[in-house]
């Protein structure tokens, strides 16, 4: 029997300014203004080289993919590191961290703005493990990847879209491989910190057989 697959839901920023930035990023980066790496095999579900089958800690693979505008290598590396860290903190707080079985997910959205966090709470079955946490015995990360598309102006980063993939195994009575994908729109706040102002998340899972473990 094929397990049910969660349908994608879209949550976009409410601010017209932020939405304009997001659309610019999608349009300009989609046009291929400049490249900084491939897509890293976005369809991999952890069965290939991107997955860690041993249960050891899985490191985040974060890098700048494309840039709309001009941005030097040091700034690209800084964006990848800082924007990637924001998404990774969300991964840990919402999906991978905590003691399972787990029923509390109230602190699952670090780095989200107040309005975006409110939206994420309403979508908590997608944006966290709230839907499976109380019955889950353990969670093991298999793959964490963030590809960052950057909007630059006058040599400085202004906004970013982080295209993310998270793969993890969750065990209830049987082990299922979960895949969470989507995009997070980030802008810099007044203190120069990246903040999530919008997102687009989908997730799916499949029951693992003996050969998948």
N, C-alpha and C. Protein backbone atom coordinates (compact mmCIF):
# COMPACT_ATOMS: atom_id res chain seq x y z
N UNK A 1 0.84 -1.20 0.00
CA UNK A 1 0.00 0.00 0.00
C UNK A 1 0.88 1.25 0.00
N UNK A 2 0.64 2.12 -0.92
CA UNK A 2 1.45 3.34 -1.03
C UNK A 2 1.05 4.33 0.05
N UNK A 3 2.02 4.83 0.85
CA UNK A 3 1.69 5.77 1.92
C UNK A 3 1.20 7.09 1.36
N UNK A 4 0.37 7.80 2.09
CA UNK A 4 -0.13 9.10 1.61
C UNK A 4 0.99 10.11 1.51
N UNK A 5 0.86 11.00 0.56
CA UNK A 5 1.87 12.04 0.33
C UNK A 5 1.23 13.39 0.61
N UNK A 6 1.89 14.17 1.43
CA UNK A 6 1.35 15.49 1.76
C UNK A 6 1.35 16.38 0.52
N UNK A 7 0.26 17.08 0.30
CA UNK A 7 0.18 17.99 -0.83
C UNK A 7 0.92 19.28 -0.52
N UNK A 8 1.65 19.81 -1.53
CA UNK A 8 2.37 21.07 -1.29
C UNK A 8 1.41 22.20 -0.96
N UNK A 9 1.85 23.08 -0.08
CA UNK A 9 1.11 24.30 0.21
C UNK A 9 2.06 25.46 0.09
N UNK A 10 1.55 26.57 -0.36
CA UNK A 10 2.38 27.74 -0.58
C UNK A 10 2.01 28.82 0.43
N UNK A 11 3.03 29.37 1.08
CA UNK A 11 2.83 30.52 1.97
C UNK A 11 3.80 31.59 1.52
N UNK A 12 3.29 32.72 1.09
CA UNK A 12 4.15 33.78 0.57
C UNK A 12 4.14 34.97 1.52
N UNK A 13 5.17 35.82 1.43
CA UNK A 13 5.21 37.01 2.30
C UNK A 13 4.00 37.89 2.08
N UNK A 14 3.52 38.51 3.15
CA UNK A 14 2.38 39.42 3.02
C UNK A 14 2.81 40.78 2.49
N UNK A 15 4.02 41.20 2.81
CA UNK A 15 4.49 42.52 2.40
C UNK A 15 4.67 42.59 0.90
N UNK A 16 4.13 43.64 0.29
CA UNK A 16 4.27 43.81 -1.16
C UNK A 16 5.73 44.01 -1.54
N UNK A 17 6.49 44.70 -0.67
CA UNK A 17 7.91 44.93 -0.97
C UNK A 17 8.67 43.62 -0.98
N UNK A 18 8.45 42.78 0.04
CA UNK A 18 9.14 41.51 0.11
C UNK A 18 8.74 40.60 -1.04
N UNK A 19 7.46 40.62 -1.39
CA UNK A 19 7.00 39.80 -2.50
C UNK A 19 7.66 40.25 -3.79
N UNK A 20 7.83 41.55 -3.98
CA UNK A 20 8.51 42.06 -5.17
C UNK A 20 9.95 41.57 -5.22
N UNK A 21 10.63 41.59 -4.07
CA UNK A 21 12.01 41.08 -4.01
C UNK A 21 12.04 39.62 -4.39
N UNK A 22 11.10 38.84 -3.86
CA UNK A 22 11.05 37.42 -4.17
C UNK A 22 10.85 37.17 -5.66
N UNK A 23 9.93 37.92 -6.25
CA UNK A 23 9.67 37.75 -7.68
C UNK A 23 10.88 38.16 -8.51
N UNK A 24 11.57 39.22 -8.09
CA UNK A 24 12.78 39.62 -8.79
C UNK A 24 13.83 38.53 -8.74
N UNK A 25 13.99 37.94 -7.56
CA UNK A 25 14.95 36.86 -7.42
C UNK A 25 14.63 35.70 -8.36
N UNK A 26 13.37 35.30 -8.36
CA UNK A 26 12.98 34.18 -9.20
C UNK A 26 13.17 34.49 -10.67
N UNK A 27 12.84 35.72 -11.07
CA UNK A 27 12.95 36.09 -12.48
C UNK A 27 14.40 36.24 -12.91
N UNK A 28 15.19 36.97 -12.12
CA UNK A 28 16.57 37.24 -12.50
C UNK A 28 17.45 36.01 -12.41
N UNK A 29 17.29 35.26 -11.33
CA UNK A 29 18.09 34.05 -11.19
C UNK A 29 17.68 33.01 -12.22
N UNK A 30 16.38 32.95 -12.50
CA UNK A 30 15.91 32.01 -13.51
C UNK A 30 16.48 32.31 -14.88
N UNK A 31 16.83 33.57 -15.10
CA UNK A 31 17.42 33.95 -16.37
C UNK A 31 18.90 33.60 -16.44
N UNK A 32 19.45 33.14 -15.32
CA UNK A 32 20.84 32.70 -15.32
C UNK A 32 21.81 33.86 -15.35
N UNK A 33 21.66 34.86 -14.46
CA UNK A 33 22.55 36.02 -14.47
C UNK A 33 24.00 35.61 -14.25
N UNK A 34 24.24 34.74 -13.30
CA UNK A 34 25.58 34.18 -13.11
C UNK A 34 25.46 32.91 -12.33
N UNK A 35 26.41 32.01 -12.50
CA UNK A 35 26.32 30.72 -11.85
C UNK A 35 27.36 30.56 -10.78
N UNK A 36 27.03 29.72 -9.79
CA UNK A 36 27.99 29.45 -8.74
C UNK A 36 27.97 28.00 -8.32
N UNK A 37 27.34 27.14 -9.13
CA UNK A 37 27.28 25.74 -8.79
C UNK A 37 26.02 25.13 -9.35
N UNK A 38 25.99 23.80 -9.42
CA UNK A 38 24.83 23.11 -9.94
C UNK A 38 23.76 22.97 -8.89
N UNK A 39 22.75 22.16 -9.25
CA UNK A 39 21.64 22.02 -8.32
C UNK A 39 21.88 20.92 -7.30
N UNK A 40 23.00 20.24 -7.41
CA UNK A 40 23.38 19.27 -6.41
C UNK A 40 22.51 18.03 -6.37
N UNK A 41 21.76 17.78 -7.43
CA UNK A 41 20.94 16.58 -7.44
C UNK A 41 19.73 16.69 -6.55
N UNK A 42 18.87 17.64 -6.83
CA UNK A 42 17.75 17.93 -5.95
C UNK A 42 16.75 16.80 -5.81
N UNK A 43 16.76 15.78 -6.69
CA UNK A 43 15.80 14.70 -6.61
C UNK A 43 16.29 13.54 -5.75
N UNK A 44 17.51 13.60 -5.26
CA UNK A 44 18.05 12.54 -4.44
C UNK A 44 17.30 12.48 -3.11
N UNK A 45 16.86 11.28 -2.71
CA UNK A 45 16.11 11.17 -1.45
C UNK A 45 16.96 10.58 -0.35
N UNK A 46 18.26 10.59 -0.54
CA UNK A 46 19.14 10.07 0.50
C UNK A 46 19.64 8.67 0.21
N UNK A 47 19.21 8.09 -0.92
CA UNK A 47 19.66 6.74 -1.23
C UNK A 47 21.03 6.73 -1.85
N UNK A 48 21.45 7.88 -2.42
CA UNK A 48 22.75 7.94 -3.06
C UNK A 48 23.81 8.50 -2.15
N UNK A 49 24.83 9.16 -2.73
CA UNK A 49 25.95 9.65 -1.96
C UNK A 49 25.59 10.73 -0.98
N UNK A 50 24.44 11.42 -1.16
CA UNK A 50 24.08 12.49 -0.26
C UNK A 50 23.57 12.03 1.09
N UNK A 51 23.27 10.76 1.24
CA UNK A 51 22.69 10.27 2.49
C UNK A 51 23.71 9.60 3.37
N UNK A 52 23.58 9.74 4.66
CA UNK A 52 24.45 9.09 5.62
C UNK A 52 23.67 7.96 6.27
N UNK A 53 24.02 6.73 5.96
CA UNK A 53 23.28 5.58 6.45
C UNK A 53 23.74 5.13 7.83
N UNK A 54 24.80 5.71 8.35
CA UNK A 54 25.40 5.21 9.58
C UNK A 54 24.76 5.78 10.83
N UNK A 55 23.96 6.83 10.70
CA UNK A 55 23.39 7.47 11.87
C UNK A 55 24.29 8.55 12.44
N UNK A 56 25.46 8.78 11.83
CA UNK A 56 26.33 9.86 12.28
C UNK A 56 25.72 11.21 11.89
N UNK A 57 26.27 12.26 12.48
CA UNK A 57 25.78 13.60 12.18
C UNK A 57 25.94 13.92 10.70
N UNK A 58 24.92 14.48 10.12
CA UNK A 58 24.94 14.87 8.71
C UNK A 58 25.20 16.37 8.65
N UNK A 59 26.24 16.74 7.94
CA UNK A 59 26.57 18.16 7.82
C UNK A 59 25.75 18.82 6.73
N UNK A 60 25.46 20.08 6.95
CA UNK A 60 24.72 20.85 5.96
C UNK A 60 25.59 21.16 4.75
N UNK A 61 25.05 20.92 3.58
CA UNK A 61 25.68 21.33 2.32
C UNK A 61 25.01 22.63 1.90
N UNK A 62 25.69 23.76 2.12
CA UNK A 62 25.13 25.08 1.81
C UNK A 62 26.07 25.81 0.87
N UNK A 63 25.53 26.31 -0.23
CA UNK A 63 26.34 27.06 -1.18
C UNK A 63 25.46 27.98 -2.01
N UNK A 64 26.08 29.01 -2.56
CA UNK A 64 25.38 29.91 -3.46
C UNK A 64 25.28 29.26 -4.82
N UNK A 65 24.09 29.23 -5.38
CA UNK A 65 23.88 28.62 -6.69
C UNK A 65 23.97 29.66 -7.80
N UNK A 66 23.20 30.75 -7.66
CA UNK A 66 23.17 31.79 -8.68
C UNK A 66 23.08 33.15 -8.03
N UNK A 67 23.54 34.15 -8.77
CA UNK A 67 23.52 35.52 -8.27
C UNK A 67 22.91 36.44 -9.32
N UNK A 68 21.94 37.24 -8.92
CA UNK A 68 21.40 38.29 -9.77
C UNK A 68 22.10 39.58 -9.36
N UNK A 69 23.02 40.04 -10.20
CA UNK A 69 23.84 41.18 -9.85
C UNK A 69 25.29 40.76 -9.72
N UNK A 70 26.08 41.60 -9.07
CA UNK A 70 27.50 41.33 -8.89
C UNK A 70 27.80 41.15 -7.41
N UNK A 71 28.43 40.03 -7.08
CA UNK A 71 28.77 39.73 -5.69
C UNK A 71 30.07 38.94 -5.66
N UNK A 72 31.06 39.49 -4.96
CA UNK A 72 32.37 38.84 -4.90
C UNK A 72 32.33 37.51 -4.17
N UNK A 73 33.37 36.71 -4.38
CA UNK A 73 33.43 35.37 -3.79
C UNK A 73 33.34 35.39 -2.26
N UNK A 74 34.07 36.28 -1.58
CA UNK A 74 33.95 36.29 -0.11
C UNK A 74 32.53 36.55 0.38
N UNK A 75 31.83 37.46 -0.29
CA UNK A 75 30.45 37.74 0.11
C UNK A 75 29.53 36.58 -0.23
N UNK A 76 29.80 35.90 -1.34
CA UNK A 76 29.00 34.71 -1.67
C UNK A 76 29.15 33.65 -0.58
N UNK A 77 30.38 33.43 -0.15
CA UNK A 77 30.63 32.43 0.88
C UNK A 77 29.95 32.82 2.19
N UNK A 78 29.94 34.12 2.47
CA UNK A 78 29.29 34.61 3.69
C UNK A 78 27.78 34.40 3.62
N UNK A 79 27.18 34.69 2.46
CA UNK A 79 25.75 34.48 2.29
C UNK A 79 25.40 33.00 2.45
N UNK A 80 26.17 32.13 1.80
CA UNK A 80 25.90 30.69 1.90
C UNK A 80 25.98 30.23 3.34
N UNK A 81 26.99 30.70 4.04
CA UNK A 81 27.19 30.28 5.43
C UNK A 81 26.06 30.79 6.33
N UNK A 82 25.73 32.07 6.22
CA UNK A 82 24.76 32.67 7.14
C UNK A 82 23.32 32.29 6.79
N UNK A 83 22.96 32.35 5.50
CA UNK A 83 21.60 31.97 5.11
C UNK A 83 21.40 30.47 5.34
N UNK A 84 22.43 29.69 5.03
CA UNK A 84 22.34 28.25 5.28
C UNK A 84 22.14 27.93 6.74
N UNK A 85 22.81 28.69 7.61
CA UNK A 85 22.68 28.47 9.05
C UNK A 85 21.27 28.74 9.55
N UNK A 86 20.61 29.75 8.96
CA UNK A 86 19.23 30.05 9.35
C UNK A 86 18.31 28.86 9.02
N UNK A 87 18.45 28.33 7.82
CA UNK A 87 17.63 27.19 7.42
C UNK A 87 17.97 25.96 8.25
N UNK A 88 19.26 25.77 8.54
CA UNK A 88 19.68 24.60 9.31
C UNK A 88 19.13 24.65 10.74
N UNK A 89 19.08 25.84 11.33
CA UNK A 89 18.50 25.96 12.68
C UNK A 89 17.03 25.56 12.67
N UNK A 90 16.35 25.93 11.60
CA UNK A 90 14.95 25.52 11.44
C UNK A 90 14.86 24.00 11.32
N UNK A 91 15.73 23.39 10.47
CA UNK A 91 15.74 21.94 10.34
C UNK A 91 15.86 21.27 11.71
N UNK A 92 16.82 21.73 12.50
CA UNK A 92 17.09 21.11 13.79
C UNK A 92 15.93 21.32 14.77
N UNK A 93 15.39 22.54 14.80
CA UNK A 93 14.33 22.85 15.75
C UNK A 93 13.01 22.18 15.39
N UNK A 94 12.72 22.07 14.09
CA UNK A 94 11.41 21.62 13.65
C UNK A 94 11.33 20.13 13.33
N UNK A 95 12.45 19.53 12.90
CA UNK A 95 12.39 18.16 12.41
C UNK A 95 13.35 17.20 13.12
N UNK A 96 14.58 17.61 13.31
CA UNK A 96 15.63 16.67 13.72
C UNK A 96 15.92 16.65 15.21
N UNK A 97 15.79 17.79 15.86
CA UNK A 97 16.17 17.90 17.25
C UNK A 97 15.07 17.52 18.22
N UNK A 98 15.40 17.58 19.50
CA UNK A 98 14.43 17.25 20.55
C UNK A 98 14.40 15.77 20.85
N UNK A 99 13.72 15.42 21.91
CA UNK A 99 13.59 14.03 22.34
C UNK A 99 12.28 13.46 21.82
N UNK A 100 12.40 12.38 21.07
CA UNK A 100 11.21 11.70 20.54
C UNK A 100 10.88 10.49 21.37
N UNK A 101 9.59 10.20 21.58
CA UNK A 101 8.40 10.90 21.09
C UNK A 101 8.37 12.35 21.58
N UNK A 102 7.91 13.24 20.72
CA UNK A 102 7.95 14.68 20.98
C UNK A 102 6.60 15.29 20.66
N UNK A 103 6.06 16.06 21.60
CA UNK A 103 4.76 16.68 21.39
C UNK A 103 4.83 18.20 21.29
N UNK A 104 5.90 18.81 21.77
CA UNK A 104 6.02 20.27 21.74
C UNK A 104 6.86 20.73 20.56
N UNK A 105 6.29 21.61 19.75
CA UNK A 105 7.00 22.17 18.60
C UNK A 105 6.87 23.69 18.59
N UNK A 106 6.65 24.28 19.74
CA UNK A 106 6.38 25.72 19.81
C UNK A 106 7.58 26.58 19.46
N UNK A 107 8.79 26.03 19.55
CA UNK A 107 10.00 26.80 19.23
C UNK A 107 10.66 26.30 17.95
N UNK A 108 9.84 25.91 16.99
CA UNK A 108 10.36 25.25 15.79
C UNK A 108 10.75 26.17 14.65
N UNK A 109 10.62 27.49 14.84
CA UNK A 109 10.85 28.39 13.71
C UNK A 109 11.79 29.53 14.06
N UNK A 110 12.99 29.23 14.53
CA UNK A 110 13.96 30.30 14.81
C UNK A 110 14.35 31.00 13.51
N UNK A 111 14.53 32.30 13.56
CA UNK A 111 14.92 33.03 12.36
C UNK A 111 13.76 33.47 11.50
N UNK A 112 12.54 33.08 11.84
CA UNK A 112 11.36 33.51 11.10
C UNK A 112 10.88 34.84 11.70
N UNK A 113 10.37 35.71 10.84
CA UNK A 113 9.74 36.93 11.36
C UNK A 113 8.45 36.56 12.08
N UNK A 114 7.91 37.49 12.82
CA UNK A 114 6.70 37.22 13.61
C UNK A 114 5.55 36.77 12.73
N UNK A 115 5.30 37.49 11.63
CA UNK A 115 4.19 37.13 10.75
C UNK A 115 4.42 35.79 10.07
N UNK A 116 5.67 35.56 9.65
CA UNK A 116 5.96 34.30 8.97
C UNK A 116 5.89 33.13 9.93
N UNK A 117 6.31 33.35 11.16
CA UNK A 117 6.20 32.30 12.16
C UNK A 117 4.73 31.96 12.41
N UNK A 118 3.88 32.97 12.44
CA UNK A 118 2.45 32.73 12.63
C UNK A 118 1.90 31.85 11.50
N UNK A 119 2.33 32.11 10.28
CA UNK A 119 1.91 31.29 9.15
C UNK A 119 2.44 29.87 9.29
N UNK A 120 3.72 29.76 9.72
CA UNK A 120 4.34 28.45 9.86
C UNK A 120 3.65 27.61 10.92
N UNK A 121 3.19 28.25 11.99
CA UNK A 121 2.45 27.53 13.03
C UNK A 121 1.17 26.94 12.46
N UNK A 122 0.49 27.71 11.62
CA UNK A 122 -0.75 27.21 11.02
C UNK A 122 -0.48 26.08 10.05
N UNK A 123 0.75 26.01 9.53
CA UNK A 123 1.15 24.93 8.61
C UNK A 123 2.06 23.93 9.31
N UNK A 124 1.95 23.78 10.61
CA UNK A 124 2.95 23.05 11.38
C UNK A 124 3.11 21.58 10.97
N UNK A 125 2.10 20.99 10.37
CA UNK A 125 2.25 19.60 9.92
C UNK A 125 3.19 19.50 8.73
N UNK A 126 3.39 20.62 8.03
CA UNK A 126 4.37 20.68 6.94
C UNK A 126 5.69 21.27 7.41
N UNK A 127 5.63 22.32 8.19
CA UNK A 127 6.84 23.07 8.55
C UNK A 127 7.52 22.54 9.81
N UNK A 128 7.02 21.43 10.34
CA UNK A 128 7.65 20.78 11.49
C UNK A 128 7.19 19.33 11.51
N UNK A 129 7.64 18.59 12.53
CA UNK A 129 7.19 17.20 12.70
C UNK A 129 6.02 17.11 13.67
N UNK A 130 5.26 18.18 13.81
CA UNK A 130 4.13 18.18 14.75
C UNK A 130 3.13 17.07 14.44
N UNK A 131 2.99 16.72 13.17
CA UNK A 131 2.01 15.71 12.79
C UNK A 131 2.41 14.30 13.15
N UNK A 132 3.71 14.04 13.29
CA UNK A 132 4.17 12.68 13.57
C UNK A 132 4.94 12.56 14.88
N UNK A 133 5.31 13.69 15.48
CA UNK A 133 6.18 13.69 16.66
C UNK A 133 5.71 12.85 17.83
N UNK A 134 4.43 12.93 18.24
CA UNK A 134 3.99 12.21 19.43
C UNK A 134 4.12 10.69 19.33
N UNK A 135 4.13 10.14 18.11
CA UNK A 135 4.21 8.69 17.94
C UNK A 135 5.58 8.23 17.42
N UNK A 136 6.47 9.17 17.15
CA UNK A 136 7.77 8.83 16.57
C UNK A 136 8.76 8.43 17.65
N UNK A 137 9.47 7.33 17.41
CA UNK A 137 10.46 6.83 18.36
C UNK A 137 11.83 7.47 18.16
N UNK A 138 12.19 7.73 16.91
CA UNK A 138 13.51 8.32 16.63
C UNK A 138 13.51 8.98 15.27
N UNK A 139 14.42 9.94 15.11
CA UNK A 139 14.61 10.64 13.83
C UNK A 139 16.11 10.67 13.53
N UNK A 140 16.47 10.28 12.32
CA UNK A 140 17.87 10.28 11.89
C UNK A 140 18.00 11.05 10.59
N UNK A 141 18.83 12.09 10.58
CA UNK A 141 19.04 12.89 9.37
C UNK A 141 19.81 12.09 8.33
N UNK A 142 19.45 12.27 7.09
CA UNK A 142 20.14 11.61 5.98
C UNK A 142 20.78 12.61 5.03
N UNK A 143 20.15 13.76 4.85
CA UNK A 143 20.69 14.75 3.91
C UNK A 143 20.14 16.11 4.25
N UNK A 144 21.01 17.14 4.20
CA UNK A 144 20.61 18.52 4.41
C UNK A 144 21.32 19.38 3.36
N UNK A 145 20.57 20.02 2.52
CA UNK A 145 21.16 20.84 1.46
C UNK A 145 20.40 22.15 1.32
N UNK A 146 21.16 23.23 1.14
CA UNK A 146 20.59 24.54 0.89
C UNK A 146 21.35 25.19 -0.26
N UNK A 147 20.65 25.51 -1.33
CA UNK A 147 21.22 26.22 -2.47
C UNK A 147 20.64 27.63 -2.46
N UNK A 148 21.51 28.62 -2.38
CA UNK A 148 21.07 29.99 -2.17
C UNK A 148 21.18 30.80 -3.46
N UNK A 149 20.08 31.39 -3.89
CA UNK A 149 20.06 32.34 -5.00
C UNK A 149 20.01 33.74 -4.39
N UNK A 150 20.91 34.60 -4.84
CA UNK A 150 21.10 35.89 -4.18
C UNK A 150 20.77 37.05 -5.11
N UNK A 151 20.09 38.05 -4.56
CA UNK A 151 19.90 39.31 -5.26
C UNK A 151 20.89 40.31 -4.68
N UNK A 152 21.81 40.78 -5.53
CA UNK A 152 22.86 41.71 -5.09
C UNK A 152 22.67 43.06 -5.76
N UNK A 153 23.12 44.10 -5.03
CA UNK A 153 23.04 45.47 -5.56
C UNK A 153 24.23 46.23 -5.04
N UNK A 154 24.98 46.83 -5.98
CA UNK A 154 26.17 47.59 -5.65
C UNK A 154 27.16 46.77 -4.83
N UNK A 155 27.30 45.50 -5.23
CA UNK A 155 28.29 44.63 -4.62
C UNK A 155 27.93 44.06 -3.28
N UNK A 156 26.67 44.27 -2.84
CA UNK A 156 26.25 43.76 -1.54
C UNK A 156 24.99 42.91 -1.68
N UNK A 157 24.88 41.90 -0.85
CA UNK A 157 23.71 41.05 -0.84
C UNK A 157 22.51 41.81 -0.28
N UNK A 158 21.35 41.66 -0.92
CA UNK A 158 20.16 42.38 -0.49
C UNK A 158 19.04 41.42 -0.08
N UNK A 159 18.90 40.32 -0.78
CA UNK A 159 17.86 39.34 -0.47
C UNK A 159 18.31 38.00 -1.02
N UNK A 160 17.65 36.95 -0.58
CA UNK A 160 18.06 35.61 -1.02
C UNK A 160 16.87 34.67 -1.00
N UNK A 161 16.94 33.68 -1.87
CA UNK A 161 16.00 32.57 -1.85
C UNK A 161 16.80 31.30 -1.60
N UNK A 162 16.50 30.61 -0.52
CA UNK A 162 17.20 29.37 -0.18
C UNK A 162 16.35 28.19 -0.63
N UNK A 163 16.86 27.44 -1.59
CA UNK A 163 16.17 26.24 -2.07
C UNK A 163 16.71 25.06 -1.26
N UNK A 164 15.86 24.44 -0.49
CA UNK A 164 16.34 23.47 0.48
C UNK A 164 15.79 22.07 0.24
N UNK A 165 16.57 21.09 0.71
CA UNK A 165 16.17 19.69 0.71
C UNK A 165 16.60 19.08 2.03
N UNK A 166 15.67 18.50 2.73
CA UNK A 166 15.96 17.78 3.97
C UNK A 166 15.41 16.37 3.84
N UNK A 167 16.26 15.39 4.11
CA UNK A 167 15.85 13.99 4.10
C UNK A 167 16.17 13.39 5.46
N UNK A 168 15.19 12.72 6.06
CA UNK A 168 15.43 12.07 7.33
C UNK A 168 14.55 10.83 7.47
N UNK A 169 15.00 9.90 8.30
CA UNK A 169 14.24 8.69 8.59
C UNK A 169 13.56 8.85 9.94
N UNK A 170 12.27 8.54 10.01
CA UNK A 170 11.52 8.60 11.26
C UNK A 170 10.93 7.22 11.52
N UNK A 171 11.13 6.73 12.72
CA UNK A 171 10.66 5.40 13.07
C UNK A 171 9.48 5.48 14.03
N UNK A 172 8.38 4.88 13.63
CA UNK A 172 7.23 4.72 14.52
C UNK A 172 7.22 3.23 14.84
N UNK A 173 6.40 2.44 14.18
CA UNK A 173 6.54 0.99 14.26
C UNK A 173 7.42 0.50 13.12
N UNK A 174 7.37 1.24 12.03
CA UNK A 174 8.24 0.98 10.88
C UNK A 174 8.97 2.27 10.57
N UNK A 175 10.03 2.15 9.81
CA UNK A 175 10.82 3.33 9.45
C UNK A 175 10.37 3.89 8.11
N UNK A 176 10.16 5.18 8.06
CA UNK A 176 9.77 5.86 6.82
C UNK A 176 10.81 6.92 6.51
N UNK A 177 11.09 7.08 5.24
CA UNK A 177 12.01 8.14 4.80
C UNK A 177 11.19 9.36 4.39
N UNK A 178 11.43 10.46 5.06
CA UNK A 178 10.71 11.71 4.81
C UNK A 178 11.59 12.66 4.02
N UNK A 179 10.95 13.38 3.12
CA UNK A 179 11.66 14.37 2.30
C UNK A 179 10.89 15.69 2.36
N UNK A 180 11.59 16.73 2.80
CA UNK A 180 11.01 18.07 2.89
C UNK A 180 11.76 18.97 1.92
N UNK A 181 11.07 19.59 1.02
CA UNK A 181 11.70 20.46 0.01
C UNK A 181 10.93 21.77 -0.10
N UNK A 182 11.58 22.74 -0.70
CA UNK A 182 10.90 24.01 -0.93
C UNK A 182 11.86 25.17 -1.01
N UNK A 183 11.34 26.36 -0.72
CA UNK A 183 12.13 27.58 -0.77
C UNK A 183 11.80 28.44 0.43
N UNK A 184 12.82 29.12 0.91
CA UNK A 184 12.63 30.12 1.96
C UNK A 184 13.15 31.44 1.42
N UNK A 185 12.34 32.49 1.51
CA UNK A 185 12.75 33.83 1.09
C UNK A 185 13.31 34.54 2.31
N UNK A 186 14.54 35.08 2.18
CA UNK A 186 15.21 35.73 3.29
C UNK A 186 15.61 37.15 2.94
N UNK A 187 15.50 38.03 3.91
CA UNK A 187 16.00 39.40 3.77
C UNK A 187 16.80 39.73 5.02
N UNK A 188 17.62 40.77 4.92
CA UNK A 188 18.43 41.21 6.06
C UNK A 188 17.63 42.18 6.92
N UNK A 189 17.68 41.97 8.24
CA UNK A 189 17.01 42.91 9.13
C UNK A 189 17.94 44.08 9.43
N UNK A 190 17.54 44.97 10.31
CA UNK A 190 18.33 46.17 10.59
C UNK A 190 19.67 45.86 11.23
N UNK A 191 19.77 44.68 11.84
CA UNK A 191 21.03 44.28 12.46
C UNK A 191 21.90 43.44 11.53
N UNK A 192 21.47 43.31 10.28
CA UNK A 192 22.26 42.57 9.30
C UNK A 192 22.09 41.06 9.40
N UNK A 193 21.01 40.60 10.05
CA UNK A 193 20.77 39.17 10.20
C UNK A 193 19.74 38.71 9.16
N UNK A 194 19.95 37.54 8.60
CA UNK A 194 18.99 36.99 7.66
C UNK A 194 17.75 36.52 8.41
N UNK A 195 16.59 36.89 7.88
CA UNK A 195 15.32 36.51 8.48
C UNK A 195 14.41 35.90 7.40
N UNK A 196 13.71 34.86 7.75
CA UNK A 196 12.78 34.21 6.83
C UNK A 196 11.48 35.00 6.78
N UNK A 197 11.14 35.51 5.60
CA UNK A 197 9.93 36.32 5.44
C UNK A 197 8.87 35.62 4.59
N UNK A 198 9.19 34.47 4.06
CA UNK A 198 8.22 33.72 3.27
C UNK A 198 8.76 32.33 2.98
N UNK A 199 7.87 31.40 2.64
CA UNK A 199 8.32 30.04 2.37
C UNK A 199 7.33 29.32 1.48
N UNK A 200 7.81 28.24 0.92
CA UNK A 200 7.03 27.34 0.08
C UNK A 200 7.54 25.95 0.43
N UNK A 201 6.72 25.13 1.08
CA UNK A 201 7.19 23.85 1.61
C UNK A 201 6.30 22.71 1.12
N UNK A 202 6.92 21.60 0.76
CA UNK A 202 6.17 20.37 0.50
C UNK A 202 6.94 19.22 1.15
N UNK A 203 6.23 18.17 1.49
CA UNK A 203 6.90 17.01 2.08
C UNK A 203 6.20 15.73 1.64
N UNK A 204 6.96 14.66 1.65
CA UNK A 204 6.44 13.35 1.27
C UNK A 204 7.20 12.31 2.08
N UNK A 205 6.71 11.07 2.07
CA UNK A 205 7.43 10.00 2.74
C UNK A 205 7.11 8.67 2.10
N UNK A 206 7.97 7.70 2.34
CA UNK A 206 7.74 6.34 1.86
C UNK A 206 8.26 5.38 2.93
N UNK A 207 7.59 4.25 3.06
CA UNK A 207 8.01 3.23 4.02
C UNK A 207 9.23 2.52 3.47
N UNK A 208 10.25 2.36 4.29
CA UNK A 208 11.48 1.70 3.86
C UNK A 208 11.37 0.20 4.00
N UNK A 209 11.98 -0.48 3.03
CA UNK A 209 12.11 -1.93 3.12
C UNK A 209 13.48 -2.29 3.68
N UNK A 210 13.76 -3.54 3.77
CA UNK A 210 15.04 -3.98 4.33
C UNK A 210 16.25 -3.48 3.59
N UNK A 211 16.14 -3.34 2.26
CA UNK A 211 17.29 -2.91 1.45
C UNK A 211 17.55 -1.41 1.53
N UNK A 212 16.59 -0.64 2.04
CA UNK A 212 16.75 0.81 2.10
C UNK A 212 17.47 1.27 3.34
N UNK A 213 17.61 0.41 4.32
CA UNK A 213 18.17 0.81 5.60
C UNK A 213 19.69 0.89 5.50
